[in-house]
């Protein structure tokens, strides 16, 4: 945040106090950090933080999600990463699909399972460690750093897979041409 020139910063806690609410109401940038996506989503719903984050977004604030924060930007959050019986939780639904973060070592099995369990025609986006995905106001998606896995919605068979490849490689500063 220092490098971006962000001088005023606040850490909003799970109890979402009046001071936290006031700080969020002034925020031009909201960073949703990592952790347990289902636990975080329950806190957002219980405290009213969900509505406040939506209001900041509607007012033009930039939202950034890291790990579980990125997952919450999509449609669904898995209750049980091992495949429990509870249905997935609906989340912010800002990004038109289901977002998963750093599951590449498991070949995105939790994301694939969640898409099957959801029984909704939603695409999946797998953001690997070191990668990012920007969802622009015009609805376009831009991968950053590392390729993002795209799983098309299932129709009659397994989802079609593709890699969304970043056009800029941060390590070299070069532009990819392919």
N, C-alpha and C. Protein backbone atom coordinates (compact mmCIF):
# COMPACT_ATOMS: atom_id res chain seq x y z
N UNK A 1 0.83 -1.19 0.00
CA UNK A 1 0.00 0.00 0.00
C UNK A 1 0.87 1.25 0.00
N UNK A 2 2.04 1.18 0.64
CA UNK A 2 2.96 2.32 0.62
C UNK A 2 3.35 2.66 -0.81
N UNK A 3 3.69 1.63 -1.61
CA UNK A 3 4.12 1.86 -2.99
C UNK A 3 3.01 2.46 -3.83
N UNK A 4 1.77 2.20 -3.47
CA UNK A 4 0.64 2.77 -4.20
C UNK A 4 0.24 4.15 -3.70
N UNK A 5 0.88 4.58 -2.61
CA UNK A 5 0.56 5.89 -2.05
C UNK A 5 -0.69 5.90 -1.19
N UNK A 6 -1.08 4.73 -0.70
CA UNK A 6 -2.26 4.64 0.16
C UNK A 6 -1.81 4.97 1.58
N UNK A 7 -2.17 6.16 2.05
CA UNK A 7 -1.71 6.62 3.36
C UNK A 7 -2.62 6.17 4.50
N UNK A 8 -3.93 6.27 4.30
CA UNK A 8 -4.87 5.89 5.35
C UNK A 8 -5.29 4.45 5.13
N UNK A 9 -5.06 3.63 6.16
CA UNK A 9 -5.41 2.21 6.07
C UNK A 9 -6.11 1.80 7.35
N UNK A 10 -7.04 0.88 7.21
CA UNK A 10 -7.75 0.33 8.36
C UNK A 10 -7.88 -1.17 8.19
N UNK A 11 -7.84 -1.86 9.29
CA UNK A 11 -8.06 -3.30 9.30
C UNK A 11 -9.42 -3.53 9.92
N UNK A 12 -10.35 -4.03 9.13
CA UNK A 12 -11.71 -4.27 9.61
C UNK A 12 -11.74 -5.64 10.27
N UNK A 13 -12.20 -5.69 11.50
CA UNK A 13 -12.23 -6.93 12.27
C UNK A 13 -13.59 -7.62 12.15
N UNK A 14 -13.60 -8.87 12.56
CA UNK A 14 -14.81 -9.70 12.43
C UNK A 14 -15.99 -9.16 13.23
N UNK A 15 -15.75 -8.39 14.29
CA UNK A 15 -16.89 -7.84 15.05
C UNK A 15 -17.49 -6.62 14.34
N UNK A 16 -16.80 -6.07 13.34
CA UNK A 16 -17.27 -4.95 12.51
C UNK A 16 -17.85 -3.83 13.38
N UNK A 17 -16.97 -3.21 14.11
CA UNK A 17 -17.35 -2.13 15.03
C UNK A 17 -17.79 -0.88 14.28
N UNK A 18 -18.27 0.08 15.02
CA UNK A 18 -18.69 1.36 14.43
C UNK A 18 -17.49 2.05 13.78
N UNK A 19 -16.32 1.96 14.40
CA UNK A 19 -15.11 2.56 13.80
C UNK A 19 -14.75 1.85 12.49
N UNK A 20 -14.89 0.52 12.47
CA UNK A 20 -14.64 -0.23 11.24
C UNK A 20 -15.62 0.19 10.15
N UNK A 21 -16.88 0.32 10.52
CA UNK A 21 -17.93 0.71 9.57
C UNK A 21 -17.62 2.09 8.98
N UNK A 22 -17.19 3.03 9.82
CA UNK A 22 -16.86 4.38 9.36
C UNK A 22 -15.66 4.36 8.41
N UNK A 23 -14.65 3.56 8.75
CA UNK A 23 -13.47 3.46 7.88
C UNK A 23 -13.83 2.87 6.53
N UNK A 24 -14.64 1.84 6.53
CA UNK A 24 -15.05 1.21 5.27
C UNK A 24 -15.88 2.18 4.43
N UNK A 25 -16.71 2.97 5.07
CA UNK A 25 -17.55 3.93 4.35
C UNK A 25 -16.72 4.98 3.60
N UNK A 26 -15.47 5.20 4.03
CA UNK A 26 -14.58 6.17 3.37
C UNK A 26 -13.65 5.52 2.36
N UNK A 27 -13.62 4.20 2.30
CA UNK A 27 -12.61 3.48 1.52
C UNK A 27 -12.81 3.62 0.02
N UNK A 28 -11.72 3.91 -0.67
CA UNK A 28 -11.71 3.89 -2.13
C UNK A 28 -11.15 2.57 -2.64
N UNK A 29 -10.49 1.84 -1.76
CA UNK A 29 -9.91 0.54 -2.07
C UNK A 29 -10.26 -0.41 -0.93
N UNK A 30 -10.82 -1.56 -1.26
CA UNK A 30 -11.17 -2.56 -0.26
C UNK A 30 -10.40 -3.83 -0.61
N UNK A 31 -9.56 -4.27 0.29
CA UNK A 31 -8.77 -5.49 0.10
C UNK A 31 -9.37 -6.59 0.95
N UNK A 32 -9.83 -7.65 0.30
CA UNK A 32 -10.35 -8.82 1.00
C UNK A 32 -9.21 -9.83 1.04
N UNK A 33 -8.73 -10.14 2.23
CA UNK A 33 -7.56 -10.99 2.39
C UNK A 33 -7.92 -12.47 2.40
N UNK A 34 -6.91 -13.30 2.60
CA UNK A 34 -7.07 -14.74 2.58
C UNK A 34 -7.55 -15.30 3.91
N UNK A 35 -7.66 -16.61 3.94
CA UNK A 35 -8.14 -17.31 5.12
C UNK A 35 -9.13 -18.39 4.71
N UNK A 36 -10.07 -18.66 5.57
CA UNK A 36 -11.09 -19.66 5.32
C UNK A 36 -12.27 -18.99 4.61
N UNK A 37 -12.52 -19.30 3.34
CA UNK A 37 -13.57 -18.59 2.60
C UNK A 37 -14.96 -18.72 3.22
N UNK A 38 -15.32 -19.91 3.68
CA UNK A 38 -16.66 -20.11 4.25
C UNK A 38 -16.80 -19.35 5.56
N UNK A 39 -15.79 -19.39 6.40
CA UNK A 39 -15.84 -18.65 7.67
C UNK A 39 -15.95 -17.16 7.41
N UNK A 40 -15.14 -16.65 6.47
CA UNK A 40 -15.19 -15.22 6.15
C UNK A 40 -16.57 -14.83 5.64
N UNK A 41 -17.14 -15.67 4.77
CA UNK A 41 -18.45 -15.33 4.21
C UNK A 41 -19.51 -15.29 5.30
N UNK A 42 -19.47 -16.22 6.23
CA UNK A 42 -20.44 -16.21 7.35
C UNK A 42 -20.32 -14.93 8.17
N UNK A 43 -19.07 -14.47 8.39
CA UNK A 43 -18.86 -13.22 9.11
C UNK A 43 -19.44 -12.05 8.31
N UNK A 44 -19.18 -12.03 7.01
CA UNK A 44 -19.71 -10.95 6.17
C UNK A 44 -21.23 -10.87 6.29
N UNK A 45 -21.89 -12.02 6.23
CA UNK A 45 -23.35 -12.04 6.31
C UNK A 45 -23.85 -11.65 7.71
N UNK A 46 -23.23 -12.22 8.74
CA UNK A 46 -23.69 -12.01 10.11
C UNK A 46 -23.56 -10.56 10.56
N UNK A 47 -22.50 -9.88 10.14
CA UNK A 47 -22.22 -8.54 10.63
C UNK A 47 -22.76 -7.42 9.76
N UNK A 48 -23.23 -7.74 8.57
CA UNK A 48 -23.66 -6.70 7.64
C UNK A 48 -22.52 -6.19 6.77
N UNK A 49 -21.35 -6.78 6.93
CA UNK A 49 -20.19 -6.39 6.13
C UNK A 49 -20.42 -6.65 4.64
N UNK A 50 -21.16 -7.70 4.33
CA UNK A 50 -21.47 -8.00 2.93
C UNK A 50 -22.14 -6.81 2.27
N UNK A 51 -23.18 -6.28 2.88
CA UNK A 51 -23.92 -5.15 2.31
C UNK A 51 -23.04 -3.91 2.20
N UNK A 52 -22.19 -3.70 3.18
CA UNK A 52 -21.30 -2.53 3.17
C UNK A 52 -20.26 -2.63 2.06
N UNK A 53 -19.74 -3.82 1.84
CA UNK A 53 -18.76 -4.01 0.76
C UNK A 53 -19.46 -3.80 -0.59
N UNK A 54 -20.66 -4.33 -0.73
CA UNK A 54 -21.42 -4.10 -1.97
C UNK A 54 -21.66 -2.60 -2.18
N UNK A 55 -21.99 -1.88 -1.13
CA UNK A 55 -22.23 -0.44 -1.23
C UNK A 55 -20.97 0.30 -1.66
N UNK A 56 -19.82 -0.09 -1.12
CA UNK A 56 -18.56 0.55 -1.52
C UNK A 56 -18.27 0.29 -2.99
N UNK A 57 -18.50 -0.94 -3.42
CA UNK A 57 -18.29 -1.28 -4.84
C UNK A 57 -19.22 -0.44 -5.71
N UNK A 58 -20.49 -0.35 -5.33
CA UNK A 58 -21.45 0.42 -6.11
C UNK A 58 -21.09 1.91 -6.14
N UNK A 59 -20.38 2.37 -5.11
CA UNK A 59 -19.96 3.77 -5.04
C UNK A 59 -18.66 4.01 -5.80
N UNK A 60 -18.09 2.94 -6.39
CA UNK A 60 -16.89 3.10 -7.20
C UNK A 60 -15.59 2.67 -6.57
N UNK A 61 -15.63 2.10 -5.37
CA UNK A 61 -14.39 1.64 -4.74
C UNK A 61 -13.82 0.46 -5.52
N UNK A 62 -12.52 0.36 -5.54
CA UNK A 62 -11.83 -0.76 -6.17
C UNK A 62 -11.78 -1.91 -5.17
N UNK A 63 -12.21 -3.10 -5.59
CA UNK A 63 -12.14 -4.28 -4.73
C UNK A 63 -11.00 -5.17 -5.19
N UNK A 64 -10.21 -5.65 -4.23
CA UNK A 64 -9.11 -6.56 -4.51
C UNK A 64 -9.30 -7.76 -3.59
N UNK A 65 -9.26 -8.95 -4.16
CA UNK A 65 -9.37 -10.16 -3.36
C UNK A 65 -8.08 -10.96 -3.46
N UNK A 66 -7.56 -11.38 -2.32
CA UNK A 66 -6.36 -12.22 -2.27
C UNK A 66 -6.77 -13.56 -1.69
N UNK A 67 -6.48 -14.63 -2.41
CA UNK A 67 -6.78 -15.99 -1.97
C UNK A 67 -8.27 -16.13 -1.66
N UNK A 68 -8.64 -16.34 -0.40
CA UNK A 68 -10.06 -16.47 -0.06
C UNK A 68 -10.86 -15.22 -0.43
N UNK A 69 -10.22 -14.07 -0.41
CA UNK A 69 -10.88 -12.84 -0.83
C UNK A 69 -11.24 -12.87 -2.30
N UNK A 70 -10.37 -13.47 -3.12
CA UNK A 70 -10.67 -13.64 -4.54
C UNK A 70 -11.81 -14.63 -4.74
N UNK A 71 -11.80 -15.70 -3.95
CA UNK A 71 -12.86 -16.72 -4.02
C UNK A 71 -14.22 -16.06 -3.75
N UNK A 72 -14.27 -15.18 -2.76
CA UNK A 72 -15.53 -14.52 -2.40
C UNK A 72 -16.06 -13.60 -3.50
N UNK A 73 -15.21 -13.20 -4.43
CA UNK A 73 -15.66 -12.33 -5.52
C UNK A 73 -16.56 -13.09 -6.50
N UNK A 74 -16.43 -14.41 -6.53
CA UNK A 74 -17.22 -15.22 -7.45
C UNK A 74 -18.59 -15.52 -6.89
N UNK A 75 -19.19 -16.56 -7.44
CA UNK A 75 -20.56 -16.92 -7.10
C UNK A 75 -20.69 -17.79 -5.88
N UNK A 76 -19.76 -18.70 -5.68
CA UNK A 76 -19.94 -19.72 -4.65
C UNK A 76 -18.70 -19.88 -3.79
N UNK A 77 -18.94 -20.26 -2.54
CA UNK A 77 -17.89 -20.62 -1.60
C UNK A 77 -18.22 -22.00 -1.08
N UNK A 78 -17.26 -22.89 -1.12
CA UNK A 78 -17.45 -24.26 -0.64
C UNK A 78 -17.44 -24.27 0.89
N UNK A 79 -18.41 -24.96 1.50
CA UNK A 79 -18.42 -25.14 2.95
C UNK A 79 -17.26 -26.02 3.38
N UNK A 80 -17.15 -27.15 2.72
CA UNK A 80 -16.22 -28.20 3.14
C UNK A 80 -15.34 -28.56 1.96
N UNK A 81 -14.08 -28.24 2.06
CA UNK A 81 -13.16 -28.45 0.95
C UNK A 81 -13.00 -29.94 0.63
N UNK A 82 -13.46 -30.83 1.50
CA UNK A 82 -13.30 -32.26 1.26
C UNK A 82 -14.56 -32.83 0.61
N UNK A 83 -15.56 -32.03 0.40
CA UNK A 83 -16.75 -32.50 -0.33
C UNK A 83 -17.89 -32.92 0.56
N UNK A 84 -18.15 -32.17 1.62
CA UNK A 84 -19.24 -32.48 2.53
C UNK A 84 -20.60 -32.37 1.88
N UNK A 85 -21.62 -32.66 2.63
CA UNK A 85 -22.97 -32.72 2.10
C UNK A 85 -23.66 -31.36 2.02
N UNK A 86 -23.14 -30.36 2.75
CA UNK A 86 -23.80 -29.05 2.72
C UNK A 86 -23.68 -28.42 1.35
N UNK A 87 -24.72 -27.72 0.90
CA UNK A 87 -24.61 -27.03 -0.40
C UNK A 87 -23.63 -25.86 -0.27
N UNK A 88 -23.06 -25.42 -1.39
CA UNK A 88 -22.16 -24.27 -1.36
C UNK A 88 -22.91 -23.01 -0.92
N UNK A 89 -22.16 -22.05 -0.41
CA UNK A 89 -22.71 -20.75 -0.03
C UNK A 89 -22.68 -19.81 -1.23
N UNK A 90 -23.72 -19.06 -1.45
CA UNK A 90 -23.66 -17.99 -2.44
C UNK A 90 -22.76 -16.90 -1.88
N UNK A 91 -21.95 -16.28 -2.73
CA UNK A 91 -21.08 -15.21 -2.26
C UNK A 91 -21.38 -13.93 -3.03
N UNK A 92 -20.41 -13.04 -3.18
CA UNK A 92 -20.69 -11.73 -3.76
C UNK A 92 -21.27 -11.77 -5.17
N UNK A 93 -20.83 -12.70 -5.99
CA UNK A 93 -21.29 -12.81 -7.37
C UNK A 93 -20.90 -11.61 -8.22
N UNK A 94 -19.75 -11.00 -7.90
CA UNK A 94 -19.24 -9.89 -8.71
C UNK A 94 -18.63 -10.43 -10.01
N UNK A 95 -17.88 -11.51 -9.91
CA UNK A 95 -17.29 -12.17 -11.09
C UNK A 95 -18.27 -13.24 -11.55
N UNK A 96 -18.59 -13.29 -12.84
CA UNK A 96 -19.59 -14.23 -13.33
C UNK A 96 -19.06 -15.67 -13.42
N UNK A 97 -18.89 -16.29 -12.30
CA UNK A 97 -18.41 -17.67 -12.25
C UNK A 97 -17.92 -18.01 -10.87
N UNK A 98 -17.34 -19.19 -10.76
CA UNK A 98 -16.80 -19.68 -9.50
C UNK A 98 -15.29 -19.47 -9.54
N UNK A 99 -14.74 -18.87 -8.50
CA UNK A 99 -13.31 -18.57 -8.44
C UNK A 99 -12.66 -19.47 -7.40
N UNK A 100 -11.52 -20.04 -7.77
CA UNK A 100 -10.71 -20.84 -6.85
C UNK A 100 -9.30 -20.27 -6.86
N UNK A 101 -8.61 -20.42 -5.76
CA UNK A 101 -7.25 -19.89 -5.66
C UNK A 101 -6.28 -20.97 -5.20
N UNK A 102 -5.15 -20.99 -5.82
CA UNK A 102 -4.00 -21.86 -5.55
C UNK A 102 -4.34 -23.31 -5.23
N UNK A 103 -5.12 -23.93 -6.12
CA UNK A 103 -5.43 -25.36 -6.02
C UNK A 103 -4.74 -26.16 -7.12
N UNK A 104 -3.74 -25.57 -7.74
CA UNK A 104 -3.11 -26.22 -8.89
C UNK A 104 -2.43 -27.53 -8.54
N UNK A 105 -1.91 -27.68 -7.32
CA UNK A 105 -1.27 -28.94 -6.92
C UNK A 105 -2.26 -30.10 -6.92
N UNK A 106 -3.54 -29.79 -6.70
CA UNK A 106 -4.59 -30.81 -6.72
C UNK A 106 -5.28 -30.87 -8.08
N UNK A 107 -4.66 -30.28 -9.11
CA UNK A 107 -5.24 -30.21 -10.45
C UNK A 107 -6.66 -29.63 -10.41
N UNK A 108 -6.86 -28.68 -9.51
CA UNK A 108 -8.12 -27.95 -9.41
C UNK A 108 -9.30 -28.86 -9.05
N UNK A 109 -9.04 -29.98 -8.40
CA UNK A 109 -10.12 -30.92 -8.03
C UNK A 109 -11.22 -30.26 -7.18
N UNK A 110 -10.88 -29.44 -6.18
CA UNK A 110 -11.96 -28.79 -5.41
C UNK A 110 -12.85 -27.89 -6.27
N UNK A 111 -12.25 -27.17 -7.21
CA UNK A 111 -13.04 -26.32 -8.11
C UNK A 111 -13.92 -27.18 -9.01
N UNK A 112 -13.37 -28.24 -9.55
CA UNK A 112 -14.14 -29.12 -10.42
C UNK A 112 -15.32 -29.74 -9.65
N UNK A 113 -15.06 -30.17 -8.41
CA UNK A 113 -16.11 -30.76 -7.58
C UNK A 113 -17.19 -29.73 -7.27
N UNK A 114 -16.79 -28.51 -6.95
CA UNK A 114 -17.75 -27.47 -6.63
C UNK A 114 -18.63 -27.15 -7.84
N UNK A 115 -18.04 -27.10 -9.01
CA UNK A 115 -18.84 -26.85 -10.22
C UNK A 115 -19.86 -27.96 -10.45
N UNK A 116 -19.44 -29.21 -10.21
CA UNK A 116 -20.39 -30.33 -10.37
C UNK A 116 -21.50 -30.25 -9.33
N UNK A 117 -21.14 -29.97 -8.08
CA UNK A 117 -22.12 -29.93 -6.99
C UNK A 117 -23.09 -28.77 -7.14
N UNK A 118 -22.63 -27.66 -7.70
CA UNK A 118 -23.47 -26.47 -7.79
C UNK A 118 -24.65 -26.66 -8.72
N UNK A 119 -24.47 -27.48 -9.74
CA UNK A 119 -25.53 -27.74 -10.72
C UNK A 119 -26.07 -26.44 -11.32
N UNK A 120 -25.19 -25.46 -11.49
CA UNK A 120 -25.53 -24.20 -12.14
C UNK A 120 -24.62 -24.04 -13.36
N UNK A 121 -25.09 -23.42 -14.41
CA UNK A 121 -24.24 -23.27 -15.60
C UNK A 121 -23.23 -22.14 -15.42
N UNK A 122 -22.28 -22.35 -14.50
CA UNK A 122 -21.29 -21.32 -14.19
C UNK A 122 -19.91 -21.76 -14.66
N UNK A 123 -19.12 -20.84 -15.23
CA UNK A 123 -17.74 -21.18 -15.52
C UNK A 123 -16.91 -21.17 -14.23
N UNK A 124 -15.76 -21.78 -14.30
CA UNK A 124 -14.83 -21.77 -13.18
C UNK A 124 -13.53 -21.11 -13.58
N UNK A 125 -12.91 -20.42 -12.62
CA UNK A 125 -11.64 -19.75 -12.84
C UNK A 125 -10.68 -20.20 -11.75
N UNK A 126 -9.57 -20.79 -12.14
CA UNK A 126 -8.56 -21.24 -11.20
C UNK A 126 -7.36 -20.33 -11.24
N UNK A 127 -7.16 -19.55 -10.18
CA UNK A 127 -6.04 -18.61 -10.10
C UNK A 127 -4.90 -19.29 -9.35
N UNK A 128 -3.77 -19.55 -10.02
CA UNK A 128 -2.67 -20.24 -9.35
C UNK A 128 -1.87 -19.29 -8.45
N UNK A 129 -1.07 -19.86 -7.58
CA UNK A 129 -0.16 -19.06 -6.76
C UNK A 129 0.69 -18.20 -7.68
N UNK A 130 0.83 -16.95 -7.36
CA UNK A 130 1.60 -16.03 -8.19
C UNK A 130 0.80 -15.40 -9.31
N UNK A 131 -0.45 -15.81 -9.44
CA UNK A 131 -1.29 -15.27 -10.50
C UNK A 131 -2.36 -14.35 -9.96
N UNK A 132 -3.09 -13.76 -10.85
CA UNK A 132 -4.20 -12.89 -10.49
C UNK A 132 -5.18 -12.82 -11.65
N UNK A 133 -6.34 -12.30 -11.38
CA UNK A 133 -7.36 -12.17 -12.41
C UNK A 133 -8.10 -10.86 -12.16
N UNK A 134 -8.09 -10.00 -13.16
CA UNK A 134 -8.79 -8.72 -13.06
C UNK A 134 -10.12 -8.86 -13.79
N UNK A 135 -11.18 -8.47 -13.10
CA UNK A 135 -12.50 -8.41 -13.72
C UNK A 135 -12.81 -6.94 -13.95
N UNK A 136 -12.82 -6.53 -15.22
CA UNK A 136 -13.00 -5.13 -15.57
C UNK A 136 -14.48 -4.76 -15.60
N UNK A 137 -14.79 -3.48 -15.43
CA UNK A 137 -16.19 -3.04 -15.46
C UNK A 137 -16.94 -3.42 -16.73
N UNK A 138 -16.22 -3.59 -17.85
CA UNK A 138 -16.89 -3.98 -19.09
C UNK A 138 -17.16 -5.48 -19.18
N UNK A 139 -16.81 -6.23 -18.12
CA UNK A 139 -17.07 -7.66 -18.09
C UNK A 139 -15.92 -8.51 -18.60
N UNK A 140 -14.86 -7.89 -19.08
CA UNK A 140 -13.73 -8.67 -19.56
C UNK A 140 -12.87 -9.12 -18.38
N UNK A 141 -12.16 -10.22 -18.60
CA UNK A 141 -11.27 -10.79 -17.60
C UNK A 141 -9.84 -10.72 -18.11
N UNK A 142 -8.92 -10.38 -17.22
CA UNK A 142 -7.51 -10.27 -17.60
C UNK A 142 -6.65 -11.00 -16.58
N UNK A 143 -5.99 -12.10 -17.01
CA UNK A 143 -5.10 -12.80 -16.09
C UNK A 143 -3.82 -11.99 -15.87
N UNK A 144 -3.25 -12.11 -14.68
CA UNK A 144 -2.01 -11.43 -14.34
C UNK A 144 -0.99 -12.44 -13.82
N UNK A 145 0.25 -12.25 -14.19
CA UNK A 145 1.35 -13.04 -13.62
C UNK A 145 1.46 -14.44 -14.15
N UNK A 146 0.49 -15.27 -13.90
CA UNK A 146 0.46 -16.68 -14.30
C UNK A 146 -0.85 -16.96 -15.03
N UNK A 147 -0.84 -17.96 -15.91
CA UNK A 147 -2.10 -18.31 -16.59
C UNK A 147 -3.18 -18.75 -15.61
N UNK A 148 -4.40 -18.34 -15.89
CA UNK A 148 -5.57 -18.71 -15.10
C UNK A 148 -6.32 -19.82 -15.84
N UNK A 149 -6.71 -20.86 -15.10
CA UNK A 149 -7.50 -21.93 -15.69
C UNK A 149 -8.93 -21.45 -15.89
N UNK A 150 -9.49 -21.75 -17.05
CA UNK A 150 -10.89 -21.46 -17.33
C UNK A 150 -11.58 -22.79 -17.58
N UNK A 151 -12.66 -23.06 -16.86
CA UNK A 151 -13.49 -24.24 -17.08
C UNK A 151 -14.86 -23.74 -17.53
N UNK A 152 -15.24 -24.13 -18.74
CA UNK A 152 -16.54 -23.70 -19.25
C UNK A 152 -17.63 -24.45 -18.49
N UNK A 153 -18.83 -23.90 -18.47
CA UNK A 153 -19.93 -24.61 -17.80
C UNK A 153 -20.19 -25.96 -18.45
N UNK A 154 -20.51 -26.94 -17.62
CA UNK A 154 -20.83 -28.27 -18.14
C UNK A 154 -22.18 -28.23 -18.83
N UNK A 155 -22.28 -28.98 -19.91
CA UNK A 155 -23.59 -29.15 -20.55
C UNK A 155 -23.96 -30.62 -20.49
N UNK A 156 -23.30 -31.44 -21.27
CA UNK A 156 -23.61 -32.87 -21.22
C UNK A 156 -22.40 -33.70 -20.80
N UNK A 157 -21.25 -33.12 -20.77
CA UNK A 157 -20.04 -33.86 -20.41
C UNK A 157 -19.15 -33.04 -19.53
N UNK A 158 -17.89 -33.42 -19.45
CA UNK A 158 -16.97 -32.66 -18.62
C UNK A 158 -16.75 -31.26 -19.20
N UNK A 159 -16.40 -30.30 -18.35
CA UNK A 159 -16.22 -28.94 -18.84
C UNK A 159 -15.02 -28.84 -19.79
N UNK A 160 -15.13 -27.93 -20.72
CA UNK A 160 -14.03 -27.62 -21.61
C UNK A 160 -13.02 -26.78 -20.82
N UNK A 161 -11.75 -27.03 -21.02
CA UNK A 161 -10.72 -26.30 -20.29
C UNK A 161 -9.89 -25.46 -21.22
N UNK A 162 -9.44 -24.32 -20.71
CA UNK A 162 -8.53 -23.45 -21.45
C UNK A 162 -7.69 -22.70 -20.44
N UNK A 163 -6.57 -22.19 -20.88
CA UNK A 163 -5.75 -21.32 -20.05
C UNK A 163 -5.88 -19.89 -20.56
N UNK A 164 -6.17 -18.99 -19.66
CA UNK A 164 -6.17 -17.57 -19.98
C UNK A 164 -4.75 -17.09 -19.68
N UNK A 165 -4.03 -16.68 -20.70
CA UNK A 165 -2.61 -16.36 -20.57
C UNK A 165 -2.43 -14.85 -20.45
N UNK A 166 -1.66 -14.41 -19.45
CA UNK A 166 -1.41 -12.97 -19.31
C UNK A 166 -0.65 -12.43 -20.51
N UNK A 167 -0.91 -11.20 -20.87
CA UNK A 167 -0.19 -10.59 -21.98
C UNK A 167 1.09 -9.92 -21.51
N UNK A 168 1.24 -9.73 -20.20
CA UNK A 168 2.42 -9.07 -19.65
C UNK A 168 3.07 -10.00 -18.64
N UNK A 169 4.37 -10.19 -18.74
CA UNK A 169 5.11 -11.04 -17.82
C UNK A 169 5.89 -10.14 -16.86
N UNK A 170 5.50 -10.07 -15.58
CA UNK A 170 6.11 -9.11 -14.66
C UNK A 170 7.61 -9.30 -14.47
N UNK A 171 8.11 -10.55 -14.47
CA UNK A 171 9.54 -10.78 -14.20
C UNK A 171 10.43 -10.13 -15.24
N UNK A 172 10.00 -10.13 -16.48
CA UNK A 172 10.85 -9.64 -17.56
C UNK A 172 10.39 -8.29 -18.08
N UNK A 173 9.14 -7.96 -17.80
CA UNK A 173 8.60 -6.72 -18.33
C UNK A 173 8.25 -6.84 -19.81
N UNK A 174 8.34 -8.04 -20.34
CA UNK A 174 8.06 -8.23 -21.76
C UNK A 174 6.57 -8.49 -21.99
N UNK A 175 6.20 -8.39 -23.22
CA UNK A 175 4.83 -8.69 -23.62
C UNK A 175 4.82 -10.01 -24.35
N UNK A 176 3.87 -10.89 -23.98
CA UNK A 176 3.75 -12.17 -24.65
C UNK A 176 3.07 -12.00 -25.98
N UNK A 177 3.55 -12.73 -26.94
CA UNK A 177 2.87 -12.75 -28.24
C UNK A 177 2.59 -14.20 -28.59
N UNK A 178 1.33 -14.52 -28.68
CA UNK A 178 0.96 -15.90 -29.05
C UNK A 178 -0.40 -15.93 -29.67
